Structures are given as structure tokens and as C-alpha cells.
PDB file of N, CA and C in Angstrom:
ATOM      1  N   MET A   1      30.035  -2.952 -16.567  1.00  0.00           N
ATOM      2  CA  MET A   1      29.300  -3.386 -15.396  1.00  0.00           C
ATOM      3  C   MET A   1      28.778  -2.195 -14.608  1.00  0.00           C
ATOM      4  N   TRP A   2      29.614  -1.208 -14.387  1.00  0.00           N
ATOM      5  CA  TRP A   2      29.171  -0.084 -13.566  1.00  0.00           C
ATOM      6  C   TRP A   2      28.109   0.727 -14.290  1.00  0.00           C
ATOM      7  N   LEU A   3      28.131   0.711 -15.620  1.00  0.00           N
ATOM      8  CA  LEU A   3      27.144   1.465 -16.381  1.00  0.00           C
ATOM      9  C   LEU A   3      25.746   0.876 -16.213  1.00  0.00           C
ATOM     10  N   THR A   4      25.636  -0.452 -16.149  1.00  0.00           N
ATOM     11  CA  THR A   4      24.323  -1.063 -15.945  1.00  0.00           C
ATOM     12  C   THR A   4      23.786  -0.739 -14.561  1.00  0.00           C
ATOM     13  N   GLY A   5      24.651  -0.631 -13.579  1.00  0.00           N
ATOM     14  CA  GLY A   5      24.224  -0.252 -12.235  1.00  0.00           C
ATOM     15  C   GLY A   5      23.676   1.156 -12.192  1.00  0.00           C
ATOM     16  N   ILE A   6      24.346   2.049 -12.888  1.00  0.00           N
ATOM     17  CA  ILE A   6      23.893   3.444 -12.934  1.00  0.00           C
ATOM     18  C   ILE A   6      22.557   3.542 -13.669  1.00  0.00           C
ATOM     19  N   LEU A   7      22.457   2.861 -14.809  1.00  0.00           N
ATOM     20  CA  LEU A   7      21.209   2.906 -15.581  1.00  0.00           C
ATOM     21  C   LEU A   7      20.067   2.240 -14.814  1.00  0.00           C
ATOM     22  N   GLY A   8      20.370   1.160 -14.107  1.00  0.00           N
ATOM     23  CA  GLY A   8      19.342   0.509 -13.297  1.00  0.00           C
ATOM     24  C   GLY A   8      18.852   1.418 -12.186  1.00  0.00           C
ATOM     25  N   GLY A   9      19.760   2.133 -11.534  1.00  0.00           N
ATOM     26  CA  GLY A   9      19.376   3.070 -10.478  1.00  0.00           C
ATOM     27  C   GLY A   9      18.520   4.205 -11.003  1.00  0.00           C
ATOM     28  N   VAL A  10      18.869   4.716 -12.168  1.00  0.00           N
ATOM     29  CA  VAL A  10      18.080   5.790 -12.775  1.00  0.00           C
ATOM     30  C   VAL A  10      16.692   5.275 -13.151  1.00  0.00           C
ATOM     31  N   ALA A  11      16.629   4.066 -13.699  1.00  0.00           N
ATOM     32  CA  ALA A  11      15.327   3.486 -14.070  1.00  0.00           C
ATOM     33  C   ALA A  11      14.471   3.248 -12.831  1.00  0.00           C
ATOM     34  N   TYR A  12      15.083   2.777 -11.760  1.00  0.00           N
ATOM     35  CA  TYR A  12      14.370   2.534 -10.506  1.00  0.00           C
ATOM     36  C   TYR A  12      13.774   3.839  -9.965  1.00  0.00           C
ATOM     37  N   ALA A  13      14.568   4.902  -9.974  1.00  0.00           N
ATOM     38  CA  ALA A  13      14.083   6.202  -9.512  1.00  0.00           C
ATOM     39  C   ALA A  13      12.989   6.736 -10.427  1.00  0.00           C
ATOM     40  N   ALA A  14      13.112   6.503 -11.738  1.00  0.00           N
ATOM     41  CA  ALA A  14      12.100   6.977 -12.676  1.00  0.00           C
ATOM     42  C   ALA A  14      10.769   6.252 -12.476  1.00  0.00           C
ATOM     43  N   ILE A  15      10.835   4.961 -12.186  1.00  0.00           N
ATOM     44  CA  ILE A  15       9.597   4.205 -11.960  1.00  0.00           C
ATOM     45  C   ILE A  15       8.860   4.760 -10.747  1.00  0.00           C
ATOM     46  N   PHE A  16       9.583   4.995  -9.656  1.00  0.00           N
ATOM     47  CA  PHE A  16       8.941   5.562  -8.469  1.00  0.00           C
ATOM     48  C   PHE A  16       8.481   6.988  -8.713  1.00  0.00           C
ATOM     49  N   GLY A  17       9.199   7.717  -9.548  1.00  0.00           N
ATOM     50  CA  GLY A  17       8.774   9.068  -9.907  1.00  0.00           C
ATOM     51  C   GLY A  17       7.479   9.090 -10.707  1.00  0.00           C
ATOM     52  N   LEU A  18       7.259   8.056 -11.497  1.00  0.00           N
ATOM     53  CA  LEU A  18       6.030   7.972 -12.277  1.00  0.00           C
ATOM     54  C   LEU A  18       4.867   7.428 -11.449  1.00  0.00           C
ATOM     55  N   ILE A  19       5.142   6.517 -10.555  1.00  0.00           N
ATOM     56  CA  ILE A  19       4.089   5.900  -9.746  1.00  0.00           C
ATOM     57  C   ILE A  19       3.648   6.824  -8.607  1.00  0.00           C
ATOM     58  N   GLY A  20       4.574   7.531  -8.010  1.00  0.00           N
ATOM     59  CA  GLY A  20       4.302   8.348  -6.833  1.00  0.00           C
ATOM     60  C   GLY A  20       3.152   9.327  -6.958  1.00  0.00           C
ATOM     61  N   PRO A  21       3.112  10.151  -7.991  1.00  0.00           N
ATOM     62  CA  PRO A  21       2.014  11.128  -8.103  1.00  0.00           C
ATOM     63  C   PRO A  21       0.639  10.495  -8.332  1.00  0.00           C
ATOM     64  N   LYS A  22       0.600   9.260  -8.801  1.00  0.00           N
ATOM     65  CA  LYS A  22      -0.688   8.611  -9.083  1.00  0.00           C
ATOM     66  C   LYS A  22      -1.340   8.043  -7.828  1.00  0.00           C
ATOM     67  N   ILE A  23      -0.588   7.952  -6.740  1.00  0.00           N
ATOM     68  CA  ILE A  23      -1.144   7.407  -5.496  1.00  0.00           C
ATOM     69  C   ILE A  23      -1.823   8.542  -4.744  1.00  0.00           C
ATOM     70  N   THR A  24      -3.148   8.494  -4.696  1.00  0.00           N
ATOM     71  CA  THR A  24      -3.890   9.542  -4.005  1.00  0.00           C
ATOM     72  C   THR A  24      -4.268   9.114  -2.595  1.00  0.00           C
ATOM     73  N   LYS A  25      -4.671   7.870  -2.435  1.00  0.00           N
ATOM     74  CA  LYS A  25      -5.023   7.361  -1.118  1.00  0.00           C
ATOM     75  C   LYS A  25      -4.150   6.139  -0.831  1.00  0.00           C
ATOM     76  N   PRO A  26      -3.128   6.306   0.010  1.00  0.00           N
ATOM     77  CA  PRO A  26      -2.183   5.216   0.226  1.00  0.00           C
ATOM     78  C   PRO A  26      -2.829   4.011   0.919  1.00  0.00           C
ATOM     79  N   SER A  27      -2.468   2.833   0.451  1.00  0.00           N
ATOM     80  CA  SER A  27      -2.933   1.603   1.073  1.00  0.00           C
ATOM     81  C   SER A  27      -1.978   1.218   2.210  1.00  0.00           C
ATOM     82  N   GLY A  28      -2.182   0.063   2.785  1.00  0.00           N
ATOM     83  CA  GLY A  28      -1.366  -0.376   3.906  1.00  0.00           C
ATOM     84  C   GLY A  28       0.099  -0.536   3.557  1.00  0.00           C
ATOM     85  N   ILE A  29       0.402  -1.125   2.399  1.00  0.00           N
ATOM     86  CA  ILE A  29       1.789  -1.350   2.022  1.00  0.00           C
ATOM     87  C   ILE A  29       2.492  -0.030   1.707  1.00  0.00           C
ATOM     88  N   VAL A  30       1.790   0.890   1.061  1.00  0.00           N
ATOM     89  CA  VAL A  30       2.384   2.204   0.767  1.00  0.00           C
ATOM     90  C   VAL A  30       2.656   2.954   2.060  1.00  0.00           C
ATOM     91  N   TRP A  31       1.723   2.878   2.999  1.00  0.00           N
ATOM     92  CA  TRP A  31       1.907   3.535   4.297  1.00  0.00           C
ATOM     93  C   TRP A  31       3.112   2.938   5.027  1.00  0.00           C
ATOM     94  N   ALA A  32       3.267   1.612   4.964  1.00  0.00           N
ATOM     95  CA  ALA A  32       4.375   0.946   5.645  1.00  0.00           C
ATOM     96  C   ALA A  32       5.721   1.361   5.048  1.00  0.00           C
ATOM     97  N   ILE A  33       5.798   1.407   3.729  1.00  0.00           N
ATOM     98  CA  ILE A  33       7.051   1.799   3.078  1.00  0.00           C
ATOM     99  C   ILE A  33       7.372   3.261   3.376  1.00  0.00           C
ATOM    100  N   THR A  34       6.366   4.109   3.386  1.00  0.00           N
ATOM    101  CA  THR A  34       6.575   5.525   3.692  1.00  0.00           C
ATOM    102  C   THR A  34       7.054   5.724   5.116  1.00  0.00           C
ATOM    103  N   SER A  35       6.425   5.043   6.055  1.00  0.00           N
ATOM    104  CA  SER A  35       6.842   5.198   7.445  1.00  0.00           C
ATOM    105  C   SER A  35       8.223   4.616   7.681  1.00  0.00           C
ATOM    106  N   LEU A  36       8.568   3.561   6.953  1.00  0.00           N
ATOM    107  CA  LEU A  36       9.907   2.990   7.064  1.00  0.00           C
ATOM    108  C   LEU A  36      10.956   3.974   6.554  1.00  0.00           C
ATOM    109  N   GLY A  37      10.629   4.673   5.484  1.00  0.00           N
ATOM    110  CA  GLY A  37      11.554   5.676   4.956  1.00  0.00           C
ATOM    111  C   GLY A  37      11.768   6.830   5.915  1.00  0.00           C
ATOM    112  N   LYS A  38      10.752   7.179   6.686  1.00  0.00           N
ATOM    113  CA  LYS A  38      10.883   8.255   7.661  1.00  0.00           C
ATOM    114  C   LYS A  38      11.725   7.833   8.857  1.00  0.00           C
ATOM    115  N   ARG A  39      11.789   6.533   9.100  1.00  0.00           N
ATOM    116  CA  ARG A  39      12.553   6.014  10.236  1.00  0.00           C
ATOM    117  C   ARG A  39      13.659   5.081   9.749  1.00  0.00           C
ATOM    118  N   SER A  40      14.356   5.462   8.693  1.00  0.00           N
ATOM    119  CA  SER A  40      15.294   4.556   8.054  1.00  0.00           C
ATOM    120  C   SER A  40      16.468   4.193   8.956  1.00  0.00           C
ATOM    121  N   LEU A  41      16.960   5.114   9.769  1.00  0.00           N
ATOM    122  CA  LEU A  41      18.079   4.782  10.652  1.00  0.00           C
ATOM    123  C   LEU A  41      17.652   3.787  11.718  1.00  0.00           C
ATOM    124  N   THR A  42      16.457   3.947  12.258  1.00  0.00           N
ATOM    125  CA  THR A  42      15.950   3.001  13.245  1.00  0.00           C
ATOM    126  C   THR A  42      15.803   1.612  12.624  1.00  0.00           C
ATOM    127  N   PHE A  43      15.284   1.543  11.404  1.00  0.00           N
ATOM    128  CA  PHE A  43      15.157   0.254  10.736  1.00  0.00           C
ATOM    129  C   PHE A  43      16.519  -0.344  10.445  1.00  0.00           C
ATOM    130  N   PHE A  44      17.489   0.471  10.053  1.00  0.00           N
ATOM    131  CA  PHE A  44      18.830  -0.026   9.763  1.00  0.00           C
ATOM    132  C   PHE A  44      19.436  -0.676  11.003  1.00  0.00           C
ATOM    133  N   ILE A  45      19.318  -0.008  12.146  1.00  0.00           N
ATOM    134  CA  ILE A  45      19.869  -0.563  13.387  1.00  0.00           C
ATOM    135  C   ILE A  45      19.147  -1.853  13.752  1.00  0.00           C
ATOM    136  N   TYR A  46      17.821  -1.875  13.658  1.00  0.00           N
ATOM    137  CA  TYR A  46      17.046  -3.078  13.948  1.00  0.00           C
ATOM    138  C   TYR A  46      17.432  -4.207  12.990  1.00  0.00           C
ATOM    139  N   ASN A  47      17.578  -3.895  11.716  1.00  0.00           N
ATOM    140  CA  ASN A  47      17.946  -4.891  10.724  1.00  0.00           C
ATOM    141  C   ASN A  47      19.319  -5.485  11.020  1.00  0.00           C
ATOM    142  N   GLU A  48      20.284  -4.674  11.386  1.00  0.00           N
ATOM    143  CA  GLU A  48      21.612  -5.172  11.694  1.00  0.00           C
ATOM    144  C   GLU A  48      21.600  -6.073  12.929  1.00  0.00           C
ATOM    145  N   ILE A  49      20.828  -5.704  13.926  1.00  0.00           N
ATOM    146  CA  ILE A  49      20.726  -6.550  15.124  1.00  0.00           C
ATOM    147  C   ILE A  49      20.103  -7.887  14.762  1.00  0.00           C
ATOM    148  N   MET A  50      19.055  -7.880  13.949  1.00  0.00           N
ATOM    149  CA  MET A  50      18.413  -9.137  13.548  1.00  0.00           C
ATOM    150  C   MET A  50      19.347 -10.006  12.711  1.00  0.00           C
ATOM    151  N   LEU A  51      20.170  -9.394  11.861  1.00  0.00           N
ATOM    152  CA  LEU A  51      21.131 -10.171  11.083  1.00  0.00           C
ATOM    153  C   LEU A  51      22.163 -10.828  11.992  1.00  0.00           C
ATOM    154  N   ILE A  52      22.616 -10.109  12.998  1.00  0.00           N
ATOM    155  CA  ILE A  52      23.582 -10.682  13.935  1.00  0.00           C
ATOM    156  C   ILE A  52      22.956 -11.827  14.709  1.00  0.00           C
ATOM    157  N   VAL A  53      21.747 -11.621  15.180  1.00  0.00           N
ATOM    158  CA  VAL A  53      21.077 -12.663  15.971  1.00  0.00           C
ATOM    159  C   VAL A  53      20.797 -13.894  15.112  1.00  0.00           C
ATOM    160  N   LEU A  54      20.335 -13.710  13.902  1.00  0.00           N
ATOM    161  CA  LEU A  54      19.942 -14.845  13.077  1.00  0.00           C
ATOM    162  C   LEU A  54      21.107 -15.570  12.410  1.00  0.00           C
ATOM    163  N   PHE A  55      22.166 -14.857  12.065  1.00  0.00           N
ATOM    164  CA  PHE A  55      23.227 -15.476  11.283  1.00  0.00           C
ATOM    165  C   PHE A  55      24.544 -15.648  12.020  1.00  0.00           C
ATOM    166  N   SER A  56      24.597 -15.301  13.274  1.00  0.00           N
ATOM    167  CA  SER A  56      25.841 -15.449  14.022  1.00  0.00           C
ATOM    168  C   SER A  56      25.941 -16.855  14.613  1.00  0.00           C
ATOM    169  N   LYS A  57      27.119 -17.442  14.545  1.00  0.00           N
ATOM    170  CA  LYS A  57      27.326 -18.784  15.089  1.00  0.00           C
ATOM    171  C   LYS A  57      27.187 -18.797  16.597  1.00  0.00           C
ATOM    172  N   GLN A  58      27.534 -17.727  17.260  1.00  0.00           N
ATOM    173  CA  GLN A  58      27.477 -17.683  18.717  1.00  0.00           C
ATOM    174  C   GLN A  58      26.049 -17.733  19.241  1.00  0.00           C
ATOM    175  N   THR A  59      25.096 -17.204  18.493  1.00  0.00           N
ATOM    176  CA  THR A  59      23.706 -17.226  18.979  1.00  0.00           C
ATOM    177  C   THR A  59      23.054 -18.577  18.767  1.00  0.00           C
ATOM    178  N   LEU A  60      23.628 -19.409  17.910  1.00  0.00           N
ATOM    179  CA  LEU A  60      23.067 -20.731  17.656  1.00  0.00           C
ATOM    180  C   LEU A  60      23.572 -21.783  18.643  1.00  0.00           C
ATOM    181  N   ILE A  61      24.586 -21.450  19.415  1.00  0.00           N
ATOM    182  CA  ILE A  61      25.142 -22.416  20.380  1.00  0.00           C
ATOM    183  C   ILE A  61      24.325 -22.451  21.638  1.00  0.00           C
TER     184      ILE A  61
END
């Protein structure tokens, strides 16, 4: 099981490694993913707050 996870991670990184150099003029989605990566901690905190708000029983009462 752990071997498939490792191989999947390597394949995922290889796909982005092959696609990345071919992008010369980034489109809207590429720009959004890039900017999200630059602000990953901010997105993580925002994501956790949204998960608490949306899935917590106390916020639904």
C-alpha cells in the first residue's frame, strides 16, 4: 500500500514537471493555482475556518 502512494506521488510530480515548462503564457486557472501556492499558509488557515463553519454542529444550531 505505501509503495503505491510513493509511486503515485512521484508520478504526480513528474506530470507537473513535464507540463510546467510548456506553459509560456499562463491562463486564469494557472495564475490562480500559482498564486495559491505562493500564499499556501493563508489558504490553509482560510480552508480550516471554512471547514469548521460548514461542518461543525454548533454553527448549524
